[in-house]
């Protein structure tokens, strides 16, 4: 019987080092998108570098489309950023043969255009390289020695790459609604909501598989049948295609163990790893079978998350500022939960 909760999975470290206040003010959580490429400066797409304060990415895209009297689908962005935060990200606006609007034309309540350029292609979901975070923890009840020890451990070993609670909605309700939708009990017609629920369902099984390996003590130890990947791209190394130095490459963080994003067809893993992943999926039978009927392909996601470009600095006796980068599609809260407990 699978007893681990994928919405509150086991931590890698025994316990957080202490308690702190998190997101008590909007400026305590700042995110900046890192594209990973230079816009071409020409093309059919206008790129707008926008700072948002307490605004939802999709709502801003809708507002930009309304201001320019164009269809919403012509305004795109790489990812959804937290609403309760200060965030900076790129939006692409398809304007073939039309001059770029002025920053004032598309700025609005709670967001402003910081820069504009042109590019030959629209932005696609997950198309950026990383996200850069600046996070302030207030009223910390732990000392600097504890911070240094835990942060060094996180940097060197990494943490389980769980999907964060944002993925599952308020109180995790998206998983229950996804189960109803996939079983046919509820008809969800809204395309965006369907996508959110499908993502929550796949994330639930993924988190459960990672949680099982954390509980078993094998989340960073290669097992017979593992599928491997890389932190900076989506390439996979399948069983039977491995070199003999796998264990050392995983230890050196040059190669990453993966877990399934559930879909139709056979698991890419084999042997003991496939057996474990299938047992976990069987526990979530309604979700797994529903995802298979959608003809989603079996995909994989790396199960280790490590910050880069990090800096830790005390701003006062009790307020701590963290700076770091994380790869696209990963969660700062997943990292922070291994360090502190939030009030």
Protein backbone atom coordinates (compact mmCIF):
# COMPACT_ATOMS: atom_id res chain seq x y z
CA UNK A 1 0.00 0.00 0.00
CA UNK A 2 1.37 3.42 -1.00
CA UNK A 3 1.11 5.66 2.09
CA UNK A 4 3.12 8.74 1.06
CA UNK A 5 1.30 11.97 0.29
CA UNK A 6 2.39 13.39 -3.11
CA UNK A 7 1.01 16.80 -2.11
CA UNK A 8 3.10 16.86 1.08
CA UNK A 9 5.97 14.50 0.24
CA UNK A 10 8.80 13.56 2.58
CA UNK A 11 11.70 15.97 2.97
CA UNK A 12 15.25 14.94 2.21
CA UNK A 13 16.64 16.43 5.41
CA UNK A 14 15.30 15.35 8.77
CA UNK A 15 13.78 18.71 9.65
CA UNK A 16 13.94 22.39 8.67
CA UNK A 17 16.54 24.46 10.53
CA UNK A 18 13.84 26.74 11.94
CA UNK A 19 10.87 29.00 11.29
CA UNK A 20 10.59 32.19 9.21
CA UNK A 21 7.91 34.41 7.72
CA UNK A 22 7.63 34.01 3.96
CA UNK A 23 5.86 36.28 1.47
CA UNK A 24 4.64 38.64 4.17
CA UNK A 25 5.20 41.48 1.67
CA UNK A 26 5.14 41.39 -2.13
CA UNK A 27 8.77 42.44 -2.43
CA UNK A 28 9.81 39.41 -0.36
CA UNK A 29 9.37 37.19 -3.44
CA UNK A 30 10.87 38.38 -6.71
CA UNK A 31 11.27 36.32 -9.89
CA UNK A 32 13.05 37.28 -13.09
CA UNK A 33 12.89 35.20 -16.23
CA UNK A 34 16.15 34.22 -17.94
CA UNK A 35 15.45 33.63 -21.64
CA UNK A 36 18.71 31.92 -22.49
CA UNK A 37 18.88 33.55 -25.94
CA UNK A 38 19.14 37.04 -27.37
CA UNK A 39 16.11 38.39 -29.25
CA UNK A 40 16.97 38.97 -32.89
CA UNK A 41 15.84 42.62 -32.87
CA UNK A 42 13.65 42.07 -35.93
CA UNK A 43 10.74 39.93 -37.00
CA UNK A 44 6.95 39.65 -36.78
CA UNK A 45 6.84 39.41 -33.00
CA UNK A 46 7.13 42.30 -30.58
CA UNK A 47 8.79 41.25 -27.32
CA UNK A 48 7.89 43.23 -24.20
CA UNK A 49 9.91 42.91 -20.97
CA UNK A 50 7.29 43.49 -18.29
CA UNK A 51 7.42 43.94 -14.55
CA UNK A 52 4.29 42.72 -12.76
CA UNK A 53 3.28 43.42 -9.17
CA UNK A 54 0.54 41.19 -7.75
CA UNK A 55 -0.69 40.34 -11.25
CA UNK A 56 -1.36 37.02 -12.94
CA UNK A 57 0.56 36.32 -16.19
CA UNK A 58 -2.51 35.17 -18.13
CA UNK A 59 -4.55 38.17 -17.00
CA UNK A 60 -1.81 40.54 -18.16
CA UNK A 61 -1.69 38.78 -21.55
CA UNK A 62 -5.45 39.16 -21.87
CA UNK A 63 -5.25 42.85 -20.98
CA UNK A 64 -2.49 43.48 -23.54
CA UNK A 65 -4.60 41.84 -26.25
CA UNK A 66 -7.59 43.99 -25.31
CA UNK A 67 -5.52 47.18 -25.39
CA UNK A 68 -4.27 46.34 -28.90
CA UNK A 69 -7.64 44.97 -30.09
CA UNK A 70 -6.12 41.63 -31.11
CA UNK A 71 -6.94 38.03 -30.24
CA UNK A 72 -5.63 36.70 -26.96
CA UNK A 73 -3.83 33.81 -28.73
CA UNK A 74 -1.51 36.36 -30.37
CA UNK A 75 0.00 37.25 -26.97
CA UNK A 76 2.29 34.58 -25.53
CA UNK A 77 4.70 34.08 -22.65
CA UNK A 78 7.09 31.36 -21.52
CA UNK A 79 5.52 30.58 -18.17
CA UNK A 80 3.18 31.45 -15.34
CA UNK A 81 4.84 33.46 -12.60
CA UNK A 82 3.55 33.76 -9.04
CA UNK A 83 0.89 36.40 -8.63
CA UNK A 84 1.72 37.45 -5.05
CA UNK A 85 5.18 38.66 -6.00
CA UNK A 86 7.20 41.11 -8.05
CA UNK A 87 8.00 39.37 -11.32
CA UNK A 88 9.72 40.28 -14.57
CA UNK A 89 9.13 38.28 -17.73
CA UNK A 90 8.89 38.55 -21.51
CA UNK A 91 5.65 38.60 -23.49
CA UNK A 92 5.54 38.15 -27.28
CA UNK A 93 2.90 39.91 -29.37
CA UNK A 94 2.36 38.79 -32.97
CA UNK A 95 2.25 41.97 -35.03
CA UNK A 96 3.26 41.11 -38.62
CA UNK A 97 3.73 44.26 -40.67
CA UNK A 98 2.70 46.42 -37.72
CA UNK A 99 5.03 48.67 -35.74
CA UNK A 100 5.53 47.87 -32.06
CA UNK A 101 3.26 49.79 -29.70
CA UNK A 102 4.75 52.24 -27.23
CA UNK A 103 5.37 50.98 -23.68
CA UNK A 104 2.62 53.33 -22.47
CA UNK A 105 0.09 51.74 -24.85
CA UNK A 106 0.27 48.31 -23.25
CA UNK A 107 1.25 49.10 -19.65
CA UNK A 108 -1.60 48.78 -17.18
CA UNK A 109 -2.65 48.52 -13.56
CA UNK A 110 -0.01 46.54 -11.66
CA UNK A 111 2.35 46.07 -14.58
CA UNK A 112 4.67 48.18 -16.73
CA UNK A 113 6.84 47.68 -19.78
CA UNK A 114 10.56 47.99 -19.01
CA UNK A 115 11.93 47.30 -22.52
CA UNK A 116 10.78 46.29 -26.00
CA UNK A 117 12.37 44.62 -29.03
CA UNK A 118 11.40 42.34 -31.92
CA UNK A 119 11.94 38.66 -32.59
CA UNK A 120 11.32 36.18 -35.40
CA UNK A 121 9.38 33.65 -33.31
CA UNK A 122 6.74 33.73 -30.63
CA UNK A 123 7.56 32.70 -27.08
CA UNK A 124 6.50 29.18 -26.16
CA UNK A 125 5.61 27.72 -22.80
CA UNK A 126 8.76 26.55 -21.06
CA UNK A 127 10.92 28.16 -23.74
CA UNK A 128 13.14 30.09 -21.34
CA UNK A 129 16.30 28.73 -19.70
CA UNK A 130 15.82 29.56 -16.01
CA UNK A 131 14.23 31.76 -13.38
CA UNK A 132 16.24 34.02 -11.10
CA UNK A 133 14.85 34.44 -7.58
CA UNK A 134 15.39 37.01 -4.84
CA UNK A 135 13.64 35.87 -1.66
CA UNK A 136 13.50 37.51 1.75
CA UNK A 137 12.76 35.44 4.84
CA UNK A 138 11.70 37.56 7.82
CA UNK A 139 11.85 36.95 11.57
CA UNK A 140 14.14 33.93 11.19
CA UNK A 141 14.61 32.00 14.44
CA UNK A 142 17.86 30.31 13.37
CA UNK A 143 21.48 31.44 13.28
CA UNK A 144 24.00 31.88 10.48
CA UNK A 145 25.84 28.63 11.16
CA UNK A 146 22.65 26.66 10.58
CA UNK A 147 21.98 28.59 7.34
CA UNK A 148 25.48 27.99 6.00
CA UNK A 149 25.43 24.26 6.78
CA UNK A 150 21.99 23.66 5.25
CA UNK A 151 22.53 25.82 2.17
CA UNK A 152 25.85 24.14 1.43
CA UNK A 153 24.14 20.76 1.70
CA UNK A 154 21.39 21.91 -0.68
CA UNK A 155 23.89 23.28 -3.18
CA UNK A 156 26.10 20.20 -3.17
CA UNK A 157 23.55 17.39 -2.90
CA UNK A 158 20.43 19.05 -4.29
CA UNK A 159 16.87 18.34 -3.15
CA UNK A 160 14.02 16.20 -4.51
CA UNK A 161 12.56 18.03 -7.52
CA UNK A 162 8.93 17.87 -6.39
CA UNK A 163 6.23 19.90 -8.06
CA UNK A 164 5.28 22.60 -5.57
CA UNK A 165 1.85 23.14 -3.99
CA UNK A 166 1.04 25.81 -6.59
CA UNK A 167 0.70 22.98 -9.11
CA UNK A 168 -2.19 21.42 -7.20
CA UNK A 169 -4.37 24.45 -6.47
CA UNK A 170 -5.88 25.62 -3.19
CA UNK A 171 -5.70 22.81 -0.63
CA UNK A 172 -4.71 20.45 -3.44
CA UNK A 173 -8.23 20.58 -4.87
CA UNK A 174 -7.03 20.28 -8.48
CA UNK A 175 -6.07 16.64 -7.99
CA UNK A 176 -9.58 15.71 -6.87
CA UNK A 177 -11.16 17.67 -9.71
CA UNK A 178 -8.70 16.13 -12.18
CA UNK A 179 -9.67 12.65 -10.97
CA UNK A 180 -13.34 13.45 -11.54
CA UNK A 181 -12.63 14.87 -14.98
CA UNK A 182 -10.48 11.92 -16.06
CA UNK A 183 -13.06 9.40 -14.82
CA UNK A 184 -15.82 11.18 -16.74
CA UNK A 185 -17.72 12.24 -13.62
CA UNK A 186 -17.20 15.93 -14.44
CA UNK A 187 -17.10 17.56 -17.87
CA UNK A 188 -14.54 20.36 -18.02
CA UNK A 189 -14.83 22.30 -21.28
CA UNK A 190 -12.57 25.24 -20.53
CA UNK A 191 -9.31 24.49 -22.38
CA UNK A 192 -7.06 26.30 -19.93
CA UNK A 193 -8.63 24.62 -16.90
CA UNK A 194 -8.34 21.21 -18.56
CA UNK A 195 -4.65 21.82 -19.10
CA UNK A 196 -4.18 22.84 -15.46
CA UNK A 197 -5.96 19.73 -14.22
CA UNK A 198 -4.06 17.38 -16.52
CA UNK A 199 -0.79 18.90 -15.30
CA UNK A 200 -1.88 18.43 -11.68
CA UNK A 201 -2.74 14.78 -12.35
CA UNK A 202 0.62 14.01 -13.99
CA UNK A 203 2.45 15.91 -11.24
CA UNK A 204 0.68 13.88 -8.57
CA UNK A 205 2.01 10.56 -9.91
CA UNK A 206 5.46 12.06 -10.51
CA UNK A 207 5.65 13.41 -6.94
CA UNK A 208 4.52 10.05 -5.61
CA UNK A 209 7.30 8.23 -7.49
CA UNK A 210 9.93 10.68 -6.25
CA UNK A 211 8.54 10.47 -2.71
CA UNK A 212 8.86 6.69 -2.80
CA UNK A 213 12.52 6.92 -3.76
CA UNK A 214 13.20 9.52 -1.06
CA UNK A 215 11.57 7.22 1.49
CA UNK A 216 13.63 4.28 0.19
CA UNK A 217 16.86 6.30 0.25
CA UNK A 218 17.41 5.79 -3.50
CA UNK A 219 16.41 9.17 -4.93
CA UNK A 220 20.05 9.97 -5.87
CA UNK A 221 21.32 6.39 -6.26
CA UNK A 222 21.03 4.72 -9.70
CA UNK A 223 18.97 1.55 -9.76
CA UNK A 224 18.64 -1.22 -12.31
CA UNK A 225 16.26 0.06 -14.99
CA UNK A 226 16.61 3.79 -14.41
CA UNK A 227 16.13 6.34 -17.19
CA UNK A 228 18.54 9.27 -16.98
CA UNK A 229 18.37 12.86 -18.13
CA UNK A 230 20.08 16.22 -17.75
CA UNK A 231 19.24 19.27 -15.67
CA UNK A 232 19.64 21.73 -18.55
CA UNK A 233 17.74 19.96 -21.36
CA UNK A 234 15.09 17.33 -22.03
CA UNK A 235 17.36 14.66 -23.54
CA UNK A 236 17.08 11.16 -22.09
CA UNK A 237 19.50 8.25 -21.77
CA UNK A 238 17.51 5.01 -21.90
CA UNK A 239 18.44 1.73 -20.20
CA UNK A 240 20.86 -0.18 -22.40
CA UNK A 241 22.43 3.04 -23.70
CA UNK A 242 24.53 3.71 -20.60
CA UNK A 243 28.25 3.96 -20.09
CA UNK A 244 29.85 2.18 -17.15
CA UNK A 245 30.47 5.34 -15.10
CA UNK A 246 26.79 6.05 -14.40
CA UNK A 247 27.04 6.08 -10.59
CA UNK A 248 29.95 8.51 -10.65
CA UNK A 249 28.26 10.78 -13.21
CA UNK A 250 25.13 10.91 -11.03
CA UNK A 251 27.26 11.66 -7.95
CA UNK A 252 28.98 14.44 -9.91
CA UNK A 253 25.57 15.84 -11.02
CA UNK A 254 26.55 15.32 -14.66
CA UNK A 255 23.66 12.88 -15.09
CA UNK A 256 20.23 12.88 -13.45
CA UNK A 257 17.77 10.15 -12.48
CA UNK A 258 14.23 10.72 -13.81
CA UNK A 259 10.66 9.80 -12.85
CA UNK A 260 7.59 9.51 -15.10
CA UNK A 261 5.15 12.14 -16.25
CA UNK A 262 2.39 9.63 -16.85
CA UNK A 263 0.90 8.96 -20.27
CA UNK A 264 -0.01 6.26 -22.76
CA UNK A 265 2.31 3.38 -23.68
CA UNK A 266 5.01 1.49 -21.88
CA UNK A 267 7.15 3.08 -19.22
CA UNK A 268 10.62 3.96 -20.48
CA UNK A 269 12.13 2.44 -17.33
CA UNK A 270 12.70 -1.29 -16.96
CA UNK A 271 13.38 -3.88 -14.27
CA UNK A 272 13.04 -2.85 -10.60
CA UNK A 273 12.46 0.80 -11.42
CA UNK A 274 9.56 0.04 -13.75
CA UNK A 275 8.03 -2.26 -11.13
CA UNK A 276 8.20 0.49 -8.49
CA UNK A 277 6.78 3.17 -10.79
CA UNK A 278 3.96 0.89 -11.91
CA UNK A 279 3.04 0.08 -8.30
CA UNK A 280 2.82 3.78 -7.52
CA UNK A 281 0.68 4.44 -10.61
CA UNK A 282 -1.60 1.53 -9.71
CA UNK A 283 -2.34 3.28 -6.42
CA UNK A 284 -3.60 6.24 -8.49
CA UNK A 285 -5.41 4.00 -10.97
CA UNK A 286 -8.17 6.47 -11.94
CA UNK A 287 -5.66 9.20 -12.68
CA UNK A 288 -3.23 6.94 -14.55
CA UNK A 289 -5.88 5.26 -16.72
CA UNK A 290 -7.53 8.61 -17.45
CA UNK A 291 -4.21 10.09 -18.59
CA UNK A 292 -3.57 7.07 -20.81
CA UNK A 293 -6.93 7.60 -22.54
CA UNK A 294 -5.87 11.15 -23.44
CA UNK A 295 -3.07 9.65 -25.55
CA UNK A 296 -0.43 11.63 -23.71
CA UNK A 297 3.01 10.16 -24.26
CA UNK A 298 5.07 8.77 -21.41
CA UNK A 299 7.58 11.50 -20.55
CA UNK A 300 10.23 11.92 -17.87
CA UNK A 301 11.45 14.67 -15.53
CA UNK A 302 14.69 14.77 -13.54
CA UNK A 303 14.21 14.18 -9.82
CA UNK A 304 17.05 16.31 -8.43
CA UNK A 305 16.96 20.10 -8.11
CA UNK A 306 20.06 22.19 -7.46
CA UNK A 307 20.30 25.99 -7.27
CA UNK A 308 22.98 27.91 -9.16
CA UNK A 309 24.36 31.46 -9.01
CA UNK A 310 23.37 31.56 -5.33
CA UNK A 311 24.05 34.13 -2.64
CA UNK A 312 22.94 34.16 1.00
CA UNK A 313 23.00 37.43 2.93
CA UNK A 314 21.62 38.63 6.25
CA UNK A 315 19.90 42.03 5.89
CA UNK A 316 19.38 42.36 9.64
CA UNK A 317 19.62 40.17 12.73
CA UNK A 318 16.49 38.31 11.70
CA UNK A 319 15.91 38.91 7.95
CA UNK A 320 17.68 36.70 5.42
CA UNK A 321 17.93 37.30 1.65
CA UNK A 322 18.48 34.43 -0.78
CA UNK A 323 19.45 34.82 -4.43
CA UNK A 324 19.58 31.84 -6.79
CA UNK A 325 18.63 30.49 -10.21
CA UNK A 326 16.54 27.41 -10.90
CA UNK A 327 15.85 25.62 -14.20
CA UNK A 328 12.60 26.25 -16.03
CA UNK A 329 9.58 24.46 -14.58
CA UNK A 330 10.96 24.02 -11.06
CA UNK A 331 9.80 25.55 -7.79
CA UNK A 332 11.57 27.81 -5.30
CA UNK A 333 9.19 26.57 -2.59
CA UNK A 334 10.46 23.01 -3.18
CA UNK A 335 13.94 24.24 -2.35
CA UNK A 336 12.91 26.39 0.62
CA UNK A 337 10.88 23.66 2.36
CA UNK A 338 14.11 21.73 2.85
CA UNK A 339 15.51 24.69 4.78
CA UNK A 340 12.77 26.44 6.76
CA UNK A 341 9.22 26.00 7.98
CA UNK A 342 6.96 28.90 7.06
CA UNK A 343 4.79 30.69 9.59
